[in-house]
Amino acid sequence: MSNKSCSWISCCKPVFDRPSTLTTMAMKFRHYKGGIYELVGAATLESDLTPMTVYRSPDGALWVRPTAVFDEMIELDGKPMRRFSPLP
């Protein structure tokens, strides 16, 4: 995945079309602060239908944030970078 605007959901759409394969996907991302997180899936916020990304930290805790925020570009030391970068 390149640094161009591309949601992990659109890049992984074929996987989500086959839910049985989702659990074997184990896609990992590095947060710009250095932590490694495992993608759990997509969700929808009940109150306003905001698309959400669910991910797991190394200690097993589940986290959720709006997909737009998960996918956004940030600036660190004057350089643009993704908040979460996919790992190979």
C-alpha atoms as a PDB file:
ATOM      1  CA  MET A   1       0.000   0.000   0.000  1.00  0.00           C
ATOM      2  CA  SER A   2       1.406   3.398  -0.923  1.00  0.00           C
ATOM      3  CA  ASN A   3       1.097   6.671   0.940  1.00  0.00           C
ATOM      4  CA  LYS A   4      -1.648   7.868  -1.386  1.00  0.00           C
ATOM      5  CA  SER A   5      -5.113   8.185   0.082  1.00  0.00           C
ATOM      6  CA  CYS A   6      -6.357   4.613   0.369  1.00  0.00           C
ATOM      7  CA  SER A   7      -8.482   3.287   3.166  1.00  0.00           C
ATOM      8  CA  TRP A   8      -7.493  -0.163   4.437  1.00  0.00           C
ATOM      9  CA  ILE A   9     -11.154  -1.095   3.921  1.00  0.00           C
ATOM     10  CA  SER A  10     -11.016  -0.407   0.177  1.00  0.00           C
ATOM     11  CA  CYS A  11      -7.662  -2.193  -0.129  1.00  0.00           C
ATOM     12  CA  CYS A  12      -9.011  -5.242   1.722  1.00  0.00           C
ATOM     13  CA  LYS A  13     -12.512  -5.272   0.264  1.00  0.00           C
ATOM     14  CA  PRO A  14     -12.154  -8.750  -1.302  1.00  0.00           C
ATOM     15  CA  VAL A  15     -11.277 -10.134   2.134  1.00  0.00           C
ATOM     16  CA  PHE A  16     -14.363  -8.585   3.730  1.00  0.00           C
ATOM     17  CA  ASP A  17     -16.532 -10.066   0.999  1.00  0.00           C
ATOM     18  CA  ARG A  18     -15.472 -13.476   2.386  1.00  0.00           C
ATOM     19  CA  PRO A  19     -15.906 -13.152   6.169  1.00  0.00           C
ATOM     20  CA  SER A  20     -14.516 -16.617   6.851  1.00  0.00           C
ATOM     21  CA  THR A  21     -11.086 -15.461   5.631  1.00  0.00           C
ATOM     22  CA  LEU A  22     -11.022 -12.328   7.786  1.00  0.00           C
ATOM     23  CA  THR A  23      -9.773 -14.157  10.855  1.00  0.00           C
ATOM     24  CA  THR A  24      -6.788 -15.536   8.940  1.00  0.00           C
ATOM     25  CA  MET A  25      -5.794 -12.157   7.511  1.00  0.00           C
ATOM     26  CA  ALA A  26      -3.847 -10.796  10.539  1.00  0.00           C
ATOM     27  CA  MET A  27      -3.030  -7.466   8.885  1.00  0.00           C
ATOM     28  CA  LYS A  28      -0.686  -5.391  11.062  1.00  0.00           C
ATOM     29  CA  PHE A  29      -0.042  -1.668  11.218  1.00  0.00           C
ATOM     30  CA  ARG A  30       2.631   0.504  12.842  1.00  0.00           C
ATOM     31  CA  HIS A  31       1.336   3.603  14.619  1.00  0.00           C
ATOM     32  CA  TYR A  32       3.403   6.716  13.977  1.00  0.00           C
ATOM     33  CA  LYS A  33       4.551   6.583  17.627  1.00  0.00           C
ATOM     34  CA  GLY A  34       5.948   3.078  17.029  1.00  0.00           C
ATOM     35  CA  GLY A  35       3.366   0.619  18.383  1.00  0.00           C
ATOM     36  CA  ILE A  36       2.321  -2.390  16.308  1.00  0.00           C
ATOM     37  CA  TYR A  37      -1.415  -3.074  16.082  1.00  0.00           C
ATOM     38  CA  GLU A  38      -3.418  -5.887  14.508  1.00  0.00           C
ATOM     39  CA  LEU A  39      -6.474  -5.068  12.435  1.00  0.00           C
ATOM     40  CA  VAL A  40      -9.608  -6.702  13.844  1.00  0.00           C
ATOM     41  CA  GLY A  41     -12.211  -5.340  11.438  1.00  0.00           C
ATOM     42  CA  ALA A  42     -14.676  -2.649  10.545  1.00  0.00           C
ATOM     43  CA  ALA A  43     -17.612  -1.420  12.604  1.00  0.00           C
ATOM     44  CA  THR A  44     -20.245   1.288  12.481  1.00  0.00           C
ATOM     45  CA  LEU A  45     -20.846   3.784  15.265  1.00  0.00           C
ATOM     46  CA  GLU A  46     -24.498   3.406  16.202  1.00  0.00           C
ATOM     47  CA  SER A  47     -25.216   7.049  17.016  1.00  0.00           C
ATOM     48  CA  ASP A  48     -24.324   8.568  13.649  1.00  0.00           C
ATOM     49  CA  LEU A  49     -23.256   5.622  11.420  1.00  0.00           C
ATOM     50  CA  THR A  50     -19.601   6.705  11.324  1.00  0.00           C
ATOM     51  CA  PRO A  51     -17.384   3.986   9.820  1.00  0.00           C
ATOM     52  CA  MET A  52     -14.985   2.749  12.517  1.00  0.00           C
ATOM     53  CA  THR A  53     -11.800   0.667  12.541  1.00  0.00           C
ATOM     54  CA  VAL A  54     -11.315  -1.909  15.304  1.00  0.00           C
ATOM     55  CA  TYR A  55      -7.741  -2.928  16.138  1.00  0.00           C
ATOM     56  CA  ARG A  56      -5.857  -4.815  18.860  1.00  0.00           C
ATOM     57  CA  SER A  57      -2.769  -3.696  20.774  1.00  0.00           C
ATOM     58  CA  PRO A  58       0.022  -6.144  21.727  1.00  0.00           C
ATOM     59  CA  ASP A  59      -1.438  -6.481  25.247  1.00  0.00           C
ATOM     60  CA  GLY A  60      -4.719  -7.753  23.746  1.00  0.00           C
ATOM     61  CA  ALA A  61      -6.758  -4.585  24.389  1.00  0.00           C
ATOM     62  CA  LEU A  62      -9.256  -3.689  21.681  1.00  0.00           C
ATOM     63  CA  TRP A  63      -9.321  -0.131  20.364  1.00  0.00           C
ATOM     64  CA  VAL A  64     -11.662   1.639  17.988  1.00  0.00           C
ATOM     65  CA  ARG A  65     -11.398   4.939  16.155  1.00  0.00           C
ATOM     66  CA  PRO A  66     -13.111   6.505  13.138  1.00  0.00           C
ATOM     67  CA  THR A  67     -11.738   4.996   9.925  1.00  0.00           C
ATOM     68  CA  ALA A  68     -11.107   8.498   8.568  1.00  0.00           C
ATOM     69  CA  VAL A  69      -8.802   9.146  11.550  1.00  0.00           C
ATOM     70  CA  PHE A  70      -7.148   5.692  11.324  1.00  0.00           C
ATOM     71  CA  ASP A  71      -6.349   6.363   7.640  1.00  0.00           C
ATOM     72  CA  GLU A  72      -5.434  10.043   7.877  1.00  0.00           C
ATOM     73  CA  MET A  73      -2.121  11.642   7.052  1.00  0.00           C
ATOM     74  CA  ILE A  74      -0.439  13.504   9.907  1.00  0.00           C
ATOM     75  CA  GLU A  75       2.631  15.697  10.094  1.00  0.00           C
ATOM     76  CA  LEU A  76       5.598  14.703  12.255  1.00  0.00           C
ATOM     77  CA  ASP A  77       8.719  16.862  12.373  1.00  0.00           C
ATOM     78  CA  GLY A  78       7.471  18.662   9.273  1.00  0.00           C
ATOM     79  CA  LYS A  79       7.065  15.448   7.262  1.00  0.00           C
ATOM     80  CA  PRO A  80       3.715  13.974   6.175  1.00  0.00           C
ATOM     81  CA  MET A  81       3.087  10.383   7.197  1.00  0.00           C
ATOM     82  CA  ARG A  82       0.197   8.014   7.791  1.00  0.00           C
ATOM     83  CA  ARG A  83      -1.124   7.720  11.336  1.00  0.00           C
ATOM     84  CA  PHE A  84      -1.068   3.907  10.846  1.00  0.00           C
ATOM     85  CA  SER A  85       1.208   2.404   8.177  1.00  0.00           C
ATOM     86  CA  PRO A  86       0.570  -1.153   6.962  1.00  0.00           C
ATOM     87  CA  LEU A  87       3.351  -3.655   7.599  1.00  0.00           C
ATOM     88  CA  PRO A  88       4.411  -6.247   5.005  1.00  0.00           C
END
